[in-house]
Amino acid sequence: SSCSTFCKDPYLNIQGEYVCCDKNPGTCPERDECPPLAQEDVRQGIRFCHYDPECHPNEKCCFDICIKQKVCKLADP
């Protein structure tokens, strides 16, 4: 696949190592409150990320205020 924007690899953190950080279409959904987490396995379905290409094409890599990390979320149009 083609890539037009490259960023430092956040996993390797080695000078000269880059990954694709193109932006997927759409915007990050906003969340006003956090849902109750009943079980620890709720977090197992969460996909953590640094850049949009780590998510599905219809998702964005967004900061989640509840878990205080970037995760893949369905993009708002």
PDB file of N, CA and C in Angstrom:
ATOM      1  N   SER A   1       0.838  -1.182   0.000  1.00  0.00           N
ATOM      2  CA  SER A   1       0.000   0.000   0.000  1.00  0.00           C
ATOM      3  C   SER A   1       0.887   1.252   0.000  1.00  0.00           C
ATOM      4  N   SER A   2       0.331   2.339  -0.456  1.00  0.00           N
ATOM      5  CA  SER A   2       1.111   3.575  -0.526  1.00  0.00           C
ATOM      6  C   SER A   2       0.929   4.391   0.750  1.00  0.00           C
ATOM      7  N   CYS A   3       1.921   5.166   1.049  1.00  0.00           N
ATOM      8  CA  CYS A   3       1.904   6.006   2.236  1.00  0.00           C
ATOM      9  C   CYS A   3       2.509   7.355   1.856  1.00  0.00           C
ATOM     10  N   SER A   4       1.914   8.433   2.350  1.00  0.00           N
ATOM     11  CA  SER A   4       2.455   9.749   2.030  1.00  0.00           C
ATOM     12  C   SER A   4       3.066  10.451   3.239  1.00  0.00           C
ATOM     13  N   THR A   5       2.762   9.976   4.455  1.00  0.00           N
ATOM     14  CA  THR A   5       3.296  10.600   5.663  1.00  0.00           C
ATOM     15  C   THR A   5       3.943   9.539   6.549  1.00  0.00           C
ATOM     16  N   PHE A   6       5.174   9.797   6.952  1.00  0.00           N
ATOM     17  CA  PHE A   6       5.897   8.863   7.814  1.00  0.00           C
ATOM     18  C   PHE A   6       6.267   9.540   9.122  1.00  0.00           C
ATOM     19  N   CYS A   7       6.201   8.774  10.221  1.00  0.00           N
ATOM     20  CA  CYS A   7       6.550   9.257  11.556  1.00  0.00           C
ATOM     21  C   CYS A   7       7.499   8.264  12.206  1.00  0.00           C
ATOM     22  N   LYS A   8       8.195   8.715  13.231  1.00  0.00           N
ATOM     23  CA  LYS A   8       9.081   7.812  13.970  1.00  0.00           C
ATOM     24  C   LYS A   8       8.299   6.621  14.481  1.00  0.00           C
ATOM     25  N   ASP A   9       8.916   5.452  14.441  1.00  0.00           N
ATOM     26  CA  ASP A   9       8.267   4.239  14.937  1.00  0.00           C
ATOM     27  C   ASP A   9       8.163   4.318  16.461  1.00  0.00           C
ATOM     28  N   PRO A  10       6.936   4.407  17.015  1.00  0.00           N
ATOM     29  CA  PRO A  10       6.787   4.560  18.466  1.00  0.00           C
ATOM     30  C   PRO A  10       7.115   3.297  19.250  1.00  0.00           C
ATOM     31  N   TYR A  11       7.195   2.153  18.562  1.00  0.00           N
ATOM     32  CA  TYR A  11       7.467   0.896  19.258  1.00  0.00           C
ATOM     33  C   TYR A  11       8.968   0.631  19.351  1.00  0.00           C
ATOM     34  N   LEU A  12       9.678   0.877  18.267  1.00  0.00           N
ATOM     35  CA  LEU A  12      11.120   0.619  18.268  1.00  0.00           C
ATOM     36  C   LEU A  12      11.907   1.780  18.853  1.00  0.00           C
ATOM     37  N   ASN A  13      11.433   3.016  18.589  1.00  0.00           N
ATOM     38  CA  ASN A  13      12.102   4.216  19.078  1.00  0.00           C
ATOM     39  C   ASN A  13      13.589   4.217  18.722  1.00  0.00           C
ATOM     40  N   ILE A  14      13.879   3.827  17.467  1.00  0.00           N
ATOM     41  CA  ILE A  14      15.253   3.792  16.966  1.00  0.00           C
ATOM     42  C   ILE A  14      15.369   4.854  15.878  1.00  0.00           C
ATOM     43  N   GLN A  15      16.426   5.645  15.930  1.00  0.00           N
ATOM     44  CA  GLN A  15      16.616   6.676  14.919  1.00  0.00           C
ATOM     45  C   GLN A  15      16.668   6.045  13.531  1.00  0.00           C
ATOM     46  N   GLY A  16      15.919   6.605  12.594  1.00  0.00           N
ATOM     47  CA  GLY A  16      15.894   6.097  11.231  1.00  0.00           C
ATOM     48  C   GLY A  16      14.802   5.079  10.958  1.00  0.00           C
ATOM     49  N   GLU A  17      14.059   4.656  11.977  1.00  0.00           N
ATOM     50  CA  GLU A  17      12.952   3.712  11.794  1.00  0.00           C
ATOM     51  C   GLU A  17      11.640   4.485  11.765  1.00  0.00           C
ATOM     52  N   TYR A  18      10.885   4.333  10.674  1.00  0.00           N
ATOM     53  CA  TYR A  18       9.648   5.085  10.496  1.00  0.00           C
ATOM     54  C   TYR A  18       8.491   4.164  10.151  1.00  0.00           C
ATOM     55  N   VAL A  19       7.273   4.630  10.436  1.00  0.00           N
ATOM     56  CA  VAL A  19       6.048   3.909  10.099  1.00  0.00           C
ATOM     57  C   VAL A  19       5.101   4.887   9.402  1.00  0.00           C
ATOM     58  N   CYS A  20       4.132   4.332   8.697  1.00  0.00           N
ATOM     59  CA  CYS A  20       3.133   5.158   8.038  1.00  0.00           C
ATOM     60  C   CYS A  20       2.216   5.782   9.091  1.00  0.00           C
ATOM     61  N   CYS A  21       2.003   7.082   8.972  1.00  0.00           N
ATOM     62  CA  CYS A  21       1.090   7.744   9.916  1.00  0.00           C
ATOM     63  C   CYS A  21       0.078   8.606   9.160  1.00  0.00           C
ATOM     64  N   ASP A  22      -0.291   8.163   7.939  1.00  0.00           N
ATOM     65  CA  ASP A  22      -1.362   8.839   7.202  1.00  0.00           C
ATOM     66  C   ASP A  22      -2.623   8.855   8.056  1.00  0.00           C
ATOM     67  N   LYS A  23      -3.484   9.819   7.822  1.00  0.00           N
ATOM     68  CA  LYS A  23      -4.734   9.916   8.585  1.00  0.00           C
ATOM     69  C   LYS A  23      -5.868   9.222   7.833  1.00  0.00           C
ATOM     70  N   ASN A  24      -6.652   8.413   8.555  1.00  0.00           N
ATOM     71  CA  ASN A  24      -7.862   7.813   8.000  1.00  0.00           C
ATOM     72  C   ASN A  24      -8.927   8.911   7.913  1.00  0.00           C
ATOM     73  N   PRO A  25      -9.900   8.780   6.996  1.00  0.00           N
ATOM     74  CA  PRO A  25     -10.943   9.800   6.887  1.00  0.00           C
ATOM     75  C   PRO A  25     -11.836   9.846   8.125  1.00  0.00           C
ATOM     76  N   GLY A  26     -12.459  11.001   8.336  1.00  0.00           N
ATOM     77  CA  GLY A  26     -13.364  11.180   9.464  1.00  0.00           C
ATOM     78  C   GLY A  26     -12.696  11.879  10.624  1.00  0.00           C
ATOM     79  N   THR A  27     -13.418  11.939  11.730  1.00  0.00           N
ATOM     80  CA  THR A  27     -12.907  12.572  12.947  1.00  0.00           C
ATOM     81  C   THR A  27     -13.119  11.640  14.139  1.00  0.00           C
ATOM     82  N   CYS A  28     -12.402  11.920  15.196  1.00  0.00           N
ATOM     83  CA  CYS A  28     -12.552  11.131  16.416  1.00  0.00           C
ATOM     84  C   CYS A  28     -13.879  11.469  17.089  1.00  0.00           C
ATOM     85  N   PRO A  29     -14.623  10.443  17.542  1.00  0.00           N
ATOM     86  CA  PRO A  29     -15.857  10.718  18.289  1.00  0.00           C
ATOM     87  C   PRO A  29     -15.523  11.307  19.657  1.00  0.00           C
ATOM     88  N   GLU A  30     -16.374  12.195  20.121  1.00  0.00           N
ATOM     89  CA  GLU A  30     -16.154  12.795  21.443  1.00  0.00           C
ATOM     90  C   GLU A  30     -16.991  12.066  22.481  1.00  0.00           C
ATOM     91  N   ARG A  31     -16.437  11.943  23.662  1.00  0.00           N
ATOM     92  CA  ARG A  31     -17.114  11.243  24.757  1.00  0.00           C
ATOM     93  C   ARG A  31     -17.163  12.185  25.952  1.00  0.00           C
ATOM     94  N   ASP A  32     -18.355  12.363  26.504  1.00  0.00           N
ATOM     95  CA  ASP A  32     -18.530  13.264  27.646  1.00  0.00           C
ATOM     96  C   ASP A  32     -18.393  12.568  28.990  1.00  0.00           C
ATOM     97  N   GLU A  33     -18.705  11.272  29.015  1.00  0.00           N
ATOM     98  CA  GLU A  33     -18.616  10.536  30.276  1.00  0.00           C
ATOM     99  C   GLU A  33     -18.124   9.132  30.002  1.00  0.00           C
ATOM    100  N   CYS A  34     -17.630   8.501  31.025  1.00  0.00           N
ATOM    101  CA  CYS A  34     -17.083   7.152  30.898  1.00  0.00           C
ATOM    102  C   CYS A  34     -18.121   6.115  31.313  1.00  0.00           C
ATOM    103  N   PRO A  35     -18.287   5.071  30.503  1.00  0.00           N
ATOM    104  CA  PRO A  35     -19.208   4.007  30.903  1.00  0.00           C
ATOM    105  C   PRO A  35     -18.591   3.186  32.032  1.00  0.00           C
ATOM    106  N   PRO A  36     -19.422   2.574  32.866  1.00  0.00           N
ATOM    107  CA  PRO A  36     -18.870   1.736  33.947  1.00  0.00           C
ATOM    108  C   PRO A  36     -18.210   0.491  33.362  1.00  0.00           C
ATOM    109  N   LEU A  37     -17.049   0.160  33.873  1.00  0.00           N
ATOM    110  CA  LEU A  37     -16.355  -1.060  33.438  1.00  0.00           C
ATOM    111  C   LEU A  37     -16.655  -2.149  34.460  1.00  0.00           C
ATOM    112  N   ALA A  38     -17.509  -3.076  34.075  1.00  0.00           N
ATOM    113  CA  ALA A  38     -17.939  -4.123  34.997  1.00  0.00           C
ATOM    114  C   ALA A  38     -16.879  -5.203  35.180  1.00  0.00           C
ATOM    115  N   GLN A  39     -16.110  -5.469  34.102  1.00  0.00           N
ATOM    116  CA  GLN A  39     -15.135  -6.552  34.159  1.00  0.00           C
ATOM    117  C   GLN A  39     -13.840  -6.119  33.503  1.00  0.00           C
ATOM    118  N   GLU A  40     -12.763  -6.723  33.926  1.00  0.00           N
ATOM    119  CA  GLU A  40     -11.458  -6.415  33.334  1.00  0.00           C
ATOM    120  C   GLU A  40     -11.416  -6.840  31.873  1.00  0.00           C
ATOM    121  N   ASP A  41     -12.156  -7.932  31.479  1.00  0.00           N
ATOM    122  CA  ASP A  41     -12.074  -8.384  30.095  1.00  0.00           C
ATOM    123  C   ASP A  41     -12.726  -7.414  29.118  1.00  0.00           C
ATOM    124  N   VAL A  42     -13.390  -6.375  29.586  1.00  0.00           N
ATOM    125  CA  VAL A  42     -13.899  -5.348  28.681  1.00  0.00           C
ATOM    126  C   VAL A  42     -12.724  -4.711  27.939  1.00  0.00           C
ATOM    127  N   ARG A  43     -11.603  -4.555  28.627  1.00  0.00           N
ATOM    128  CA  ARG A  43     -10.414  -3.946  28.012  1.00  0.00           C
ATOM    129  C   ARG A  43      -9.766  -4.857  26.980  1.00  0.00           C
ATOM    130  N   GLN A  44     -10.063  -6.139  26.979  1.00  0.00           N
ATOM    131  CA  GLN A  44      -9.433  -7.049  26.024  1.00  0.00           C
ATOM    132  C   GLN A  44      -9.851  -6.756  24.594  1.00  0.00           C
ATOM    133  N   GLY A  45     -11.027  -6.185  24.383  1.00  0.00           N
ATOM    134  CA  GLY A  45     -11.488  -5.867  23.042  1.00  0.00           C
ATOM    135  C   GLY A  45     -10.953  -4.544  22.531  1.00  0.00           C
ATOM    136  N   ILE A  46     -10.252  -3.806  23.360  1.00  0.00           N
ATOM    137  CA  ILE A  46      -9.717  -2.499  22.984  1.00  0.00           C
ATOM    138  C   ILE A  46      -8.424  -2.693  22.204  1.00  0.00           C
ATOM    139  N   ARG A  47      -8.304  -1.973  21.076  1.00  0.00           N
ATOM    140  CA  ARG A  47      -7.064  -1.999  20.299  1.00  0.00           C
ATOM    141  C   ARG A  47      -6.331  -0.678  20.512  1.00  0.00           C
ATOM    142  N   PHE A  48      -5.198  -0.742  21.178  1.00  0.00           N
ATOM    143  CA  PHE A  48      -4.391   0.442  21.421  1.00  0.00           C
ATOM    144  C   PHE A  48      -3.633   0.795  20.149  1.00  0.00           C
ATOM    145  N   CYS A  49      -3.303   2.071  19.972  1.00  0.00           N
ATOM    146  CA  CYS A  49      -2.657   2.511  18.740  1.00  0.00           C
ATOM    147  C   CYS A  49      -1.842   3.779  18.990  1.00  0.00           C
ATOM    148  N   HIS A  50      -1.045   4.127  17.988  1.00  0.00           N
ATOM    149  CA  HIS A  50      -0.340   5.404  17.969  1.00  0.00           C
ATOM    150  C   HIS A  50      -0.797   6.245  16.775  1.00  0.00           C
ATOM    151  N   TYR A  51      -1.118   5.561  15.654  1.00  0.00           N
ATOM    152  CA  TYR A  51      -1.480   6.245  14.408  1.00  0.00           C
ATOM    153  C   TYR A  51      -2.671   5.546  13.760  1.00  0.00           C
ATOM    154  N   ASP A  52      -3.411   6.277  12.922  1.00  0.00           N
ATOM    155  CA  ASP A  52      -4.592   5.739  12.247  1.00  0.00           C
ATOM    156  C   ASP A  52      -4.332   4.446  11.465  1.00  0.00           C
ATOM    157  N   PRO A  53      -3.213   4.289  10.738  1.00  0.00           N
ATOM    158  CA  PRO A  53      -3.026   3.050   9.969  1.00  0.00           C
ATOM    159  C   PRO A  53      -3.004   1.772  10.809  1.00  0.00           C
ATOM    160  N   GLU A  54      -2.864   1.891  12.119  1.00  0.00           N
ATOM    161  CA  GLU A  54      -2.915   0.717  12.986  1.00  0.00           C
ATOM    162  C   GLU A  54      -4.353   0.266  13.226  1.00  0.00           C
ATOM    163  N   CYS A  55      -5.311   1.081  12.800  1.00  0.00           N
ATOM    164  CA  CYS A  55      -6.740   0.789  12.972  1.00  0.00           C
ATOM    165  C   CYS A  55      -7.331   0.378  11.626  1.00  0.00           C
ATOM    166  N   HIS A  56      -8.593  -0.068  11.641  1.00  0.00           N
ATOM    167  CA  HIS A  56      -9.303  -0.372  10.405  1.00  0.00           C
ATOM    168  C   HIS A  56      -9.525   0.925   9.630  1.00  0.00           C
ATOM    169  N   PRO A  57      -9.732   0.846   8.305  1.00  0.00           N
ATOM    170  CA  PRO A  57      -9.913   2.054   7.494  1.00  0.00           C
ATOM    171  C   PRO A  57     -11.077   2.948   7.933  1.00  0.00           C
ATOM    172  N   ASN A  58     -12.098   2.393   8.592  1.00  0.00           N
ATOM    173  CA  ASN A  58     -13.242   3.190   9.042  1.00  0.00           C
ATOM    174  C   ASN A  58     -13.079   3.665  10.495  1.00  0.00           C
ATOM    175  N   GLU A  59     -11.871   3.532  11.031  1.00  0.00           N
ATOM    176  CA  GLU A  59     -11.594   3.924  12.414  1.00  0.00           C
ATOM    177  C   GLU A  59     -10.507   4.992  12.461  1.00  0.00           C
ATOM    178  N   LYS A  60     -10.433   5.673  13.602  1.00  0.00           N
ATOM    179  CA  LYS A  60      -9.394   6.651  13.880  1.00  0.00           C
ATOM    180  C   LYS A  60      -8.675   6.226  15.156  1.00  0.00           C
ATOM    181  N   CYS A  61      -7.419   6.616  15.268  1.00  0.00           N
ATOM    182  CA  CYS A  61      -6.656   6.403  16.495  1.00  0.00           C
ATOM    183  C   CYS A  61      -6.875   7.637  17.357  1.00  0.00           C
ATOM    184  N   CYS A  62      -7.675   7.488  18.421  1.00  0.00           N
ATOM    185  CA  CYS A  62      -8.140   8.625  19.217  1.00  0.00           C
ATOM    186  C   CYS A  62      -7.749   8.469  20.682  1.00  0.00           C
ATOM    187  N   PHE A  63      -7.506   9.590  21.328  1.00  0.00           N
ATOM    188  CA  PHE A  63      -7.249   9.566  22.766  1.00  0.00           C
ATOM    189  C   PHE A  63      -8.572   9.315  23.480  1.00  0.00           C
ATOM    190  N   ASP A  64      -8.598   8.333  24.361  1.00  0.00           N
ATOM    191  CA  ASP A  64      -9.795   8.012  25.126  1.00  0.00           C
ATOM    192  C   ASP A  64      -9.642   8.587  26.531  1.00  0.00           C
ATOM    193  N   ILE A  65     -10.568   9.481  26.909  1.00  0.00           N
ATOM    194  CA  ILE A  65     -10.463  10.145  28.212  1.00  0.00           C
ATOM    195  C   ILE A  65     -10.667   9.188  29.379  1.00  0.00           C
ATOM    196  N   CYS A  66     -11.326   8.057  29.127  1.00  0.00           N
ATOM    197  CA  CYS A  66     -11.623   7.120  30.214  1.00  0.00           C
ATOM    198  C   CYS A  66     -10.424   6.252  30.574  1.00  0.00           C
ATOM    199  N   ILE A  67      -9.716   5.765  29.567  1.00  0.00           N
ATOM    200  CA  ILE A  67      -8.559   4.916  29.863  1.00  0.00           C
ATOM    201  C   ILE A  67      -7.239   5.658  29.696  1.00  0.00           C
ATOM    202  N   LYS A  68      -7.328   6.921  29.242  1.00  0.00           N
ATOM    203  CA  LYS A  68      -6.170   7.816  29.139  1.00  0.00           C
ATOM    204  C   LYS A  68      -5.071   7.262  28.241  1.00  0.00           C
ATOM    205  N   GLN A  69      -5.503   6.657  27.116  1.00  0.00           N
ATOM    206  CA  GLN A  69      -4.575   6.163  26.096  1.00  0.00           C
ATOM    207  C   GLN A  69      -5.241   6.293  24.742  1.00  0.00           C
ATOM    208  N   LYS A  70      -4.445   6.193  23.680  1.00  0.00           N
ATOM    209  CA  LYS A  70      -5.003   6.221  22.328  1.00  0.00           C
ATOM    210  C   LYS A  70      -5.474   4.832  21.934  1.00  0.00           C
ATOM    211  N   VAL A  71      -6.705   4.766  21.404  1.00  0.00           N
ATOM    212  CA  VAL A  71      -7.314   3.502  20.999  1.00  0.00           C
ATOM    213  C   VAL A  71      -8.011   3.697  19.658  1.00  0.00           C
ATOM    214  N   CYS A  72      -8.275   2.583  18.957  1.00  0.00           N
ATOM    215  CA  CYS A  72      -9.021   2.621  17.696  1.00  0.00           C
ATOM    216  C   CYS A  72     -10.495   2.785  18.003  1.00  0.00           C
ATOM    217  N   LYS A  73     -11.125   3.788  17.349  1.00  0.00           N
ATOM    218  CA  LYS A  73     -12.563   4.040  17.529  1.00  0.00           C
ATOM    219  C   LYS A  73     -13.194   4.241  16.160  1.00  0.00           C
ATOM    220  N   LEU A  74     -14.470   3.871  16.018  1.00  0.00           N
ATOM    221  CA  LEU A  74     -15.184   4.152  14.785  1.00  0.00           C
ATOM    222  C   LEU A  74     -15.185   5.640  14.539  1.00  0.00           C
ATOM    223  N   ALA A  75     -14.827   6.039  13.314  1.00  0.00           N
ATOM    224  CA  ALA A  75     -14.726   7.461  12.984  1.00  0.00           C
ATOM    225  C   ALA A  75     -16.092   8.074  12.783  1.00  0.00           C
ATOM    226  N   ASP A  76     -16.256   9.319  13.210  1.00  0.00           N
ATOM    227  CA  ASP A  76     -17.433  10.105  12.869  1.00  0.00           C
ATOM    228  C   ASP A  76     -17.185  10.688  11.469  1.00  0.00           C
ATOM    229  N   PRO A  77     -18.228  10.820  10.669  1.00  0.00           N
ATOM    230  CA  PRO A  77     -18.028  11.375   9.317  1.00  0.00           C
ATOM    231  C   PRO A  77     -17.536  12.807   9.326  1.00  0.00           C
TER     232      PRO A  77
END
